N, C-alpha and C. Protein backbone atom coordinates (compact mmCIF):
# COMPACT_ATOMS: atom_id res chain seq x y z
N MET A 1 113.20 -48.60 -70.26
CA MET A 1 111.85 -49.10 -70.49
C MET A 1 111.87 -50.01 -71.71
N THR A 2 111.20 -51.14 -71.59
CA THR A 2 111.10 -52.09 -72.69
C THR A 2 109.84 -51.81 -73.48
N THR A 3 109.97 -51.75 -74.78
CA THR A 3 108.80 -51.55 -75.62
C THR A 3 108.62 -52.76 -76.51
N ILE A 4 107.50 -52.81 -77.18
CA ILE A 4 107.21 -53.93 -78.07
C ILE A 4 108.28 -54.03 -79.15
N ASP A 5 108.80 -52.90 -79.62
CA ASP A 5 109.80 -52.92 -80.69
C ASP A 5 111.11 -53.56 -80.27
N ASP A 6 111.39 -53.64 -78.95
CA ASP A 6 112.63 -54.26 -78.48
C ASP A 6 112.61 -55.77 -78.61
N HIS A 7 111.48 -56.38 -78.92
CA HIS A 7 111.35 -57.83 -78.96
C HIS A 7 111.09 -58.32 -80.38
N ARG A 8 111.82 -57.83 -81.33
CA ARG A 8 111.61 -58.19 -82.73
C ARG A 8 112.58 -59.24 -83.23
N LEU A 9 113.29 -59.95 -82.35
CA LEU A 9 114.22 -60.98 -82.78
C LEU A 9 113.68 -62.36 -82.41
N ALA A 10 113.85 -63.29 -83.33
CA ALA A 10 113.44 -64.67 -83.06
C ALA A 10 114.49 -65.31 -82.16
N GLY A 11 114.23 -66.52 -81.69
CA GLY A 11 115.15 -67.24 -80.82
C GLY A 11 116.52 -67.46 -81.44
N ASP A 12 116.60 -67.52 -82.77
CA ASP A 12 117.88 -67.71 -83.43
C ASP A 12 118.59 -66.40 -83.72
N GLY A 13 118.05 -65.28 -83.23
CA GLY A 13 118.68 -63.98 -83.41
C GLY A 13 118.33 -63.29 -84.71
N LEU A 14 117.57 -63.96 -85.58
CA LEU A 14 117.19 -63.35 -86.85
C LEU A 14 115.97 -62.45 -86.64
N PRO A 15 115.89 -61.34 -87.35
CA PRO A 15 114.72 -60.47 -87.18
C PRO A 15 113.44 -61.16 -87.63
N LEU A 16 112.37 -60.94 -86.88
CA LEU A 16 111.06 -61.45 -87.27
C LEU A 16 110.47 -60.50 -88.32
N PRO A 17 109.70 -61.02 -89.25
CA PRO A 17 109.08 -60.12 -90.23
C PRO A 17 108.08 -59.20 -89.55
N VAL A 18 108.03 -57.98 -89.98
CA VAL A 18 107.04 -57.03 -89.45
C VAL A 18 105.73 -57.31 -90.17
N PRO A 19 104.69 -57.71 -89.43
CA PRO A 19 103.43 -58.09 -90.05
C PRO A 19 102.65 -56.90 -90.59
N ALA A 20 101.74 -57.19 -91.49
CA ALA A 20 100.87 -56.16 -92.04
C ALA A 20 99.79 -55.81 -91.02
N ALA A 21 99.19 -54.69 -91.17
CA ALA A 21 98.13 -54.25 -90.26
C ALA A 21 96.84 -54.99 -90.55
N VAL A 22 96.07 -55.24 -89.51
CA VAL A 22 94.76 -55.86 -89.63
C VAL A 22 93.73 -54.73 -89.51
N PRO A 23 92.77 -54.64 -90.41
CA PRO A 23 91.79 -53.56 -90.35
C PRO A 23 91.07 -53.51 -89.00
N ASP A 24 90.96 -52.33 -88.43
CA ASP A 24 90.23 -52.06 -87.18
C ASP A 24 90.82 -52.74 -85.95
N ARG A 25 91.94 -53.39 -86.04
CA ARG A 25 92.50 -54.06 -84.87
C ARG A 25 93.96 -53.69 -84.62
N GLY A 26 94.53 -52.83 -85.43
CA GLY A 26 95.92 -52.45 -85.24
C GLY A 26 96.86 -53.49 -85.81
N PRO A 27 98.17 -53.28 -85.62
CA PRO A 27 99.14 -54.20 -86.20
C PRO A 27 99.12 -55.55 -85.51
N VAL A 28 99.40 -56.60 -86.27
CA VAL A 28 99.52 -57.94 -85.72
C VAL A 28 100.97 -58.11 -85.28
N LEU A 29 101.17 -58.49 -84.04
CA LEU A 29 102.53 -58.68 -83.54
C LEU A 29 102.97 -60.11 -83.79
N PRO A 30 104.25 -60.31 -84.11
CA PRO A 30 104.74 -61.66 -84.35
C PRO A 30 104.75 -62.47 -83.05
N ALA A 31 104.56 -63.77 -83.17
CA ALA A 31 104.60 -64.65 -82.00
C ALA A 31 105.82 -65.55 -82.12
N ALA A 32 106.67 -65.50 -81.11
CA ALA A 32 107.84 -66.38 -81.08
C ALA A 32 107.38 -67.82 -80.88
N PRO A 33 108.15 -68.81 -81.36
CA PRO A 33 107.73 -70.21 -81.19
C PRO A 33 107.45 -70.59 -79.75
N ARG A 34 108.21 -70.05 -78.78
CA ARG A 34 107.96 -70.42 -77.38
C ARG A 34 106.62 -69.90 -76.90
N VAL A 35 106.15 -68.78 -77.45
CA VAL A 35 104.83 -68.26 -77.08
C VAL A 35 103.75 -69.22 -77.55
N VAL A 36 103.90 -69.74 -78.75
CA VAL A 36 102.93 -70.71 -79.28
C VAL A 36 102.97 -71.99 -78.45
N GLU A 37 104.16 -72.42 -78.04
CA GLU A 37 104.28 -73.61 -77.19
C GLU A 37 103.61 -73.37 -75.85
N ASP A 38 103.81 -72.17 -75.27
CA ASP A 38 103.16 -71.84 -73.99
C ASP A 38 101.65 -71.90 -74.13
N LEU A 39 101.11 -71.37 -75.24
CA LEU A 39 99.67 -71.38 -75.48
C LEU A 39 99.15 -72.81 -75.58
N ALA A 40 99.86 -73.66 -76.31
CA ALA A 40 99.44 -75.06 -76.44
C ALA A 40 99.46 -75.75 -75.09
N ARG A 41 100.47 -75.47 -74.26
CA ARG A 41 100.55 -76.07 -72.91
C ARG A 41 99.40 -75.55 -72.05
N ASP A 42 99.08 -74.25 -72.14
CA ASP A 42 97.98 -73.69 -71.37
C ASP A 42 96.64 -74.31 -71.75
N LEU A 43 96.42 -74.52 -73.05
CA LEU A 43 95.18 -75.16 -73.50
C LEU A 43 95.11 -76.60 -73.02
N SER A 44 96.23 -77.31 -73.03
CA SER A 44 96.25 -78.68 -72.52
C SER A 44 95.94 -78.69 -71.03
N GLY A 45 96.49 -77.72 -70.29
CA GLY A 45 96.21 -77.62 -68.86
C GLY A 45 94.75 -77.32 -68.59
N ALA A 46 94.16 -76.44 -69.40
CA ALA A 46 92.73 -76.13 -69.24
C ALA A 46 91.89 -77.37 -69.51
N ALA A 47 92.23 -78.14 -70.53
CA ALA A 47 91.49 -79.36 -70.83
C ALA A 47 91.60 -80.35 -69.68
N GLU A 48 92.79 -80.46 -69.08
CA GLU A 48 92.97 -81.36 -67.94
C GLU A 48 92.14 -80.88 -66.74
N ALA A 49 92.08 -79.56 -66.54
CA ALA A 49 91.26 -79.02 -65.44
C ALA A 49 89.79 -79.33 -65.64
N VAL A 50 89.32 -79.27 -66.86
CA VAL A 50 87.92 -79.60 -67.15
C VAL A 50 87.67 -81.07 -66.87
N ARG A 51 88.59 -81.95 -67.29
CA ARG A 51 88.42 -83.38 -67.03
C ARG A 51 88.40 -83.70 -65.54
N ALA A 52 89.08 -82.89 -64.72
CA ALA A 52 89.17 -83.14 -63.28
C ALA A 52 87.96 -82.61 -62.51
N MET A 53 87.08 -81.91 -63.17
CA MET A 53 85.92 -81.34 -62.48
C MET A 53 84.97 -82.45 -62.04
N PRO A 54 84.44 -82.34 -60.82
CA PRO A 54 83.50 -83.36 -60.35
C PRO A 54 82.19 -83.30 -61.14
N SER A 55 81.56 -84.44 -61.26
CA SER A 55 80.31 -84.50 -62.03
C SER A 55 79.13 -83.95 -61.24
N VAL A 56 79.22 -83.93 -59.93
CA VAL A 56 78.15 -83.37 -59.10
C VAL A 56 78.77 -82.38 -58.12
N GLY A 57 77.97 -81.48 -57.64
CA GLY A 57 78.47 -80.51 -56.67
C GLY A 57 77.57 -79.31 -56.62
N GLY A 58 77.73 -78.52 -55.57
CA GLY A 58 76.87 -77.38 -55.39
C GLY A 58 77.50 -76.06 -55.79
N ALA A 59 78.69 -76.07 -56.37
CA ALA A 59 79.36 -74.82 -56.73
C ALA A 59 79.53 -74.72 -58.23
N ASP A 60 79.56 -73.48 -58.70
CA ASP A 60 79.87 -73.24 -60.11
C ASP A 60 81.38 -73.16 -60.26
N VAL A 61 81.92 -73.88 -61.19
CA VAL A 61 83.36 -73.87 -61.46
C VAL A 61 83.56 -73.50 -62.91
N THR A 62 84.42 -72.54 -63.16
CA THR A 62 84.72 -72.11 -64.51
C THR A 62 86.20 -72.28 -64.78
N VAL A 63 86.53 -72.81 -65.92
CA VAL A 63 87.92 -72.91 -66.36
C VAL A 63 88.09 -71.90 -67.49
N ALA A 64 89.01 -70.97 -67.30
CA ALA A 64 89.22 -69.92 -68.30
C ALA A 64 90.69 -69.85 -68.66
N ALA A 65 90.97 -69.66 -69.92
CA ALA A 65 92.34 -69.44 -70.39
C ALA A 65 92.46 -67.98 -70.79
N HIS A 66 93.09 -67.18 -69.93
CA HIS A 66 93.27 -65.76 -70.20
C HIS A 66 94.73 -65.50 -70.57
N THR A 67 94.96 -64.38 -71.20
CA THR A 67 96.32 -63.95 -71.52
C THR A 67 96.96 -63.40 -70.25
N ALA A 68 98.18 -63.80 -69.99
CA ALA A 68 98.94 -63.28 -68.86
C ALA A 68 100.11 -62.46 -69.40
N VAL A 69 100.19 -61.22 -68.96
CA VAL A 69 101.29 -60.33 -69.33
C VAL A 69 102.18 -60.21 -68.10
N VAL A 70 103.46 -60.54 -68.23
CA VAL A 70 104.38 -60.52 -67.10
C VAL A 70 105.43 -59.45 -67.35
N CYS A 71 105.54 -58.51 -66.41
CA CYS A 71 106.51 -57.42 -66.49
C CYS A 71 107.50 -57.60 -65.33
N THR A 72 108.79 -57.68 -65.64
CA THR A 72 109.81 -57.96 -64.63
C THR A 72 110.84 -56.83 -64.61
N ALA A 73 111.26 -56.44 -63.40
CA ALA A 73 112.27 -55.40 -63.25
C ALA A 73 113.04 -55.63 -61.94
N ALA A 74 114.07 -54.85 -61.74
CA ALA A 74 114.91 -54.98 -60.55
C ALA A 74 114.21 -54.47 -59.30
N THR A 75 113.22 -53.60 -59.47
CA THR A 75 112.48 -53.04 -58.33
C THR A 75 110.98 -53.22 -58.55
N ALA A 76 110.24 -53.17 -57.45
CA ALA A 76 108.78 -53.26 -57.56
C ALA A 76 108.25 -52.07 -58.36
N ALA A 77 108.80 -50.88 -58.11
CA ALA A 77 108.37 -49.69 -58.84
C ALA A 77 108.62 -49.85 -60.34
N GLY A 78 109.76 -50.44 -60.70
CA GLY A 78 110.07 -50.64 -62.12
C GLY A 78 109.11 -51.61 -62.78
N ALA A 79 108.77 -52.70 -62.09
CA ALA A 79 107.83 -53.68 -62.65
C ALA A 79 106.44 -53.08 -62.78
N LEU A 80 106.01 -52.31 -61.79
CA LEU A 80 104.71 -51.65 -61.86
C LEU A 80 104.68 -50.61 -62.98
N GLN A 81 105.80 -49.89 -63.17
CA GLN A 81 105.86 -48.91 -64.24
C GLN A 81 105.77 -49.58 -65.61
N GLN A 82 106.46 -50.73 -65.77
CA GLN A 82 106.36 -51.47 -67.03
C GLN A 82 104.93 -51.92 -67.28
N ALA A 83 104.24 -52.38 -66.23
CA ALA A 83 102.85 -52.81 -66.39
C ALA A 83 101.97 -51.62 -66.80
N ALA A 84 102.21 -50.46 -66.18
CA ALA A 84 101.44 -49.26 -66.55
C ALA A 84 101.73 -48.86 -67.99
N ASP A 85 103.00 -48.94 -68.40
CA ASP A 85 103.36 -48.62 -69.79
C ASP A 85 102.68 -49.57 -70.76
N TRP A 86 102.62 -50.86 -70.40
CA TRP A 86 101.97 -51.83 -71.28
C TRP A 86 100.47 -51.51 -71.39
N CYS A 87 99.85 -51.17 -70.27
CA CYS A 87 98.41 -50.84 -70.30
C CYS A 87 98.14 -49.62 -71.17
N ARG A 88 99.06 -48.65 -71.16
CA ARG A 88 98.88 -47.49 -72.04
C ARG A 88 98.97 -47.89 -73.50
N GLN A 89 99.81 -48.86 -73.84
CA GLN A 89 99.95 -49.31 -75.23
C GLN A 89 98.79 -50.21 -75.64
N ALA A 90 98.24 -50.97 -74.71
CA ALA A 90 97.16 -51.92 -75.01
C ALA A 90 95.86 -51.40 -74.41
N GLN A 91 95.38 -50.29 -74.92
CA GLN A 91 94.23 -49.62 -74.33
C GLN A 91 92.94 -50.43 -74.42
N ARG A 92 92.85 -51.39 -75.32
CA ARG A 92 91.63 -52.21 -75.43
C ARG A 92 91.63 -53.37 -74.44
N ALA A 93 92.73 -53.59 -73.75
CA ALA A 93 92.82 -54.71 -72.81
C ALA A 93 91.99 -54.42 -71.56
N GLU A 94 91.31 -55.44 -71.08
CA GLU A 94 90.57 -55.39 -69.81
C GLU A 94 91.40 -56.19 -68.81
N VAL A 95 91.89 -55.53 -67.76
CA VAL A 95 92.69 -56.21 -66.75
C VAL A 95 91.75 -56.89 -65.77
N HIS A 96 91.93 -58.19 -65.59
CA HIS A 96 91.10 -58.98 -64.66
C HIS A 96 91.78 -59.12 -63.31
N THR A 97 93.08 -59.38 -63.32
CA THR A 97 93.82 -59.53 -62.07
C THR A 97 95.20 -58.91 -62.22
N LEU A 98 95.78 -58.55 -61.09
CA LEU A 98 97.13 -58.01 -61.05
C LEU A 98 97.81 -58.63 -59.84
N ALA A 99 99.01 -59.16 -60.02
CA ALA A 99 99.74 -59.76 -58.91
C ALA A 99 101.18 -59.26 -58.93
N LEU A 100 101.72 -58.91 -57.77
CA LEU A 100 103.10 -58.47 -57.62
C LEU A 100 103.83 -59.54 -56.82
N ALA A 101 104.99 -59.96 -57.30
CA ALA A 101 105.75 -61.00 -56.61
C ALA A 101 107.24 -60.69 -56.66
N ARG A 102 107.94 -61.07 -55.61
CA ARG A 102 109.41 -61.02 -55.58
C ARG A 102 109.87 -62.42 -55.97
N VAL A 103 110.65 -62.51 -57.04
CA VAL A 103 111.01 -63.81 -57.61
C VAL A 103 112.52 -63.93 -57.75
N PRO A 104 113.06 -65.17 -57.75
CA PRO A 104 114.49 -65.35 -57.96
C PRO A 104 114.91 -64.80 -59.33
N GLY A 105 116.06 -64.16 -59.37
CA GLY A 105 116.56 -63.58 -60.61
C GLY A 105 117.45 -64.54 -61.38
N HIS A 106 118.31 -63.97 -62.21
CA HIS A 106 119.16 -64.77 -63.09
C HIS A 106 120.35 -65.39 -62.35
N ARG A 107 120.64 -64.92 -61.13
CA ARG A 107 121.68 -65.52 -60.28
C ARG A 107 121.08 -65.84 -58.93
N GLU A 108 121.75 -66.71 -58.19
CA GLU A 108 121.23 -67.15 -56.89
C GLU A 108 121.07 -65.99 -55.90
N ASP A 109 121.95 -65.00 -55.96
CA ASP A 109 121.92 -63.90 -55.00
C ASP A 109 121.14 -62.68 -55.49
N VAL A 110 120.41 -62.82 -56.60
CA VAL A 110 119.68 -61.70 -57.19
C VAL A 110 118.18 -61.98 -57.15
N TRP A 111 117.42 -60.97 -56.75
CA TRP A 111 115.96 -61.06 -56.76
C TRP A 111 115.41 -60.04 -57.74
N GLU A 112 114.27 -60.35 -58.33
CA GLU A 112 113.58 -59.44 -59.24
C GLU A 112 112.14 -59.31 -58.77
N PHE A 113 111.46 -58.33 -59.32
CA PHE A 113 110.05 -58.15 -59.04
C PHE A 113 109.27 -58.38 -60.31
N SER A 114 108.16 -59.07 -60.18
CA SER A 114 107.35 -59.44 -61.33
C SER A 114 105.90 -59.00 -61.09
N VAL A 115 105.33 -58.31 -62.09
CA VAL A 115 103.91 -57.96 -62.06
C VAL A 115 103.24 -58.78 -63.15
N THR A 116 102.25 -59.57 -62.77
CA THR A 116 101.50 -60.37 -63.73
C THR A 116 100.10 -59.80 -63.87
N LEU A 117 99.73 -59.47 -65.10
CA LEU A 117 98.39 -58.98 -65.41
C LEU A 117 97.66 -60.08 -66.16
N THR A 118 96.49 -60.46 -65.70
CA THR A 118 95.63 -61.36 -66.45
C THR A 118 94.65 -60.48 -67.20
N VAL A 119 94.65 -60.59 -68.53
CA VAL A 119 93.88 -59.66 -69.35
C VAL A 119 93.07 -60.39 -70.41
N SER A 120 92.09 -59.68 -70.96
CA SER A 120 91.38 -60.15 -72.14
C SER A 120 91.17 -58.96 -73.05
N PHE A 121 90.83 -59.26 -74.27
CA PHE A 121 90.56 -58.24 -75.28
C PHE A 121 89.14 -58.44 -75.78
N PRO A 122 88.50 -57.40 -76.28
CA PRO A 122 87.12 -57.53 -76.74
C PRO A 122 86.98 -58.58 -77.85
N ASP A 123 85.88 -59.31 -77.82
CA ASP A 123 85.60 -60.26 -78.89
C ASP A 123 84.97 -59.51 -80.07
N ASP A 124 84.46 -60.24 -81.04
CA ASP A 124 83.90 -59.63 -82.24
C ASP A 124 82.69 -58.74 -81.95
N THR A 125 82.01 -58.98 -80.81
CA THR A 125 80.85 -58.16 -80.46
C THR A 125 81.24 -56.93 -79.65
N GLY A 126 82.51 -56.83 -79.28
CA GLY A 126 82.97 -55.71 -78.46
C GLY A 126 82.94 -56.00 -76.98
N GLY A 127 82.44 -57.17 -76.59
CA GLY A 127 82.37 -57.52 -75.17
C GLY A 127 83.63 -58.23 -74.71
N HIS A 128 83.92 -58.11 -73.41
CA HIS A 128 85.07 -58.79 -72.81
C HIS A 128 84.61 -60.10 -72.20
N THR A 129 85.51 -61.07 -72.17
CA THR A 129 85.21 -62.35 -71.54
C THR A 129 85.76 -62.35 -70.13
N GLY A 130 85.24 -63.22 -69.30
CA GLY A 130 85.74 -63.36 -67.95
C GLY A 130 85.08 -62.39 -66.98
N GLN A 131 85.47 -62.52 -65.72
CA GLN A 131 84.88 -61.69 -64.68
C GLN A 131 85.85 -60.57 -64.32
N THR A 132 85.31 -59.42 -64.07
CA THR A 132 86.10 -58.29 -63.56
C THR A 132 85.35 -57.70 -62.38
N HIS A 133 86.07 -56.98 -61.57
CA HIS A 133 85.46 -56.33 -60.41
C HIS A 133 84.90 -54.99 -60.85
N HIS A 134 83.65 -54.75 -60.51
CA HIS A 134 82.99 -53.49 -60.83
C HIS A 134 82.39 -52.93 -59.55
N GLY A 135 82.33 -51.61 -59.44
CA GLY A 135 81.88 -50.96 -58.21
C GLY A 135 80.42 -51.20 -57.87
N GLY A 136 79.54 -51.20 -58.84
CA GLY A 136 78.11 -51.34 -58.56
C GLY A 136 77.69 -52.78 -58.43
N SER A 137 76.65 -53.02 -57.63
CA SER A 137 76.14 -54.37 -57.51
C SER A 137 74.96 -54.55 -58.47
N ARG A 138 74.68 -55.77 -58.83
CA ARG A 138 73.56 -56.10 -59.72
C ARG A 138 72.37 -56.51 -58.88
N ARG A 139 71.54 -55.59 -58.53
CA ARG A 139 70.37 -55.94 -57.70
C ARG A 139 69.13 -55.81 -58.49
C-alpha cells in the first residue's frame, strides 16, 4: 500500500522539507514541481474551455477545475483499495466522480488499472464546490 509518506522525494531524489501544520486544516503536503505544472496546464485548459463557449444557447454550461486523485495498481481490486485508503486519509474530501480504467503499463505487454477520483474540499465557509449526486430530490 502506498501512503503519503512514501512520496517525500523531489524529482532530483532529494527529500522535500516536511511542512509545518496549518491551524484547523492539518499538515500542508509538499507539491512537486510537476504537480504545479499540471495545475497551471489545467487552469490554461479551463480558460480555453471558457473562451470556446458559445455566446448564445439554451443550455447551462459550467467549466470547473477539480482535483483529480489517480490510484494505479496491477489489479482493479488493488486500485480500488488504494482509492478507499486515500478516502480514509482525506476524510474532508467530497468525491464527485469515480472512474475505473484499464490502462497501458510501463511496458507494452503490461496493463494496469487506474481509479480516478474527482474531488473537492470544503471552502472557508465549510461548503463544497461542484455538483454531487444526492439521494433526495429538491422539490
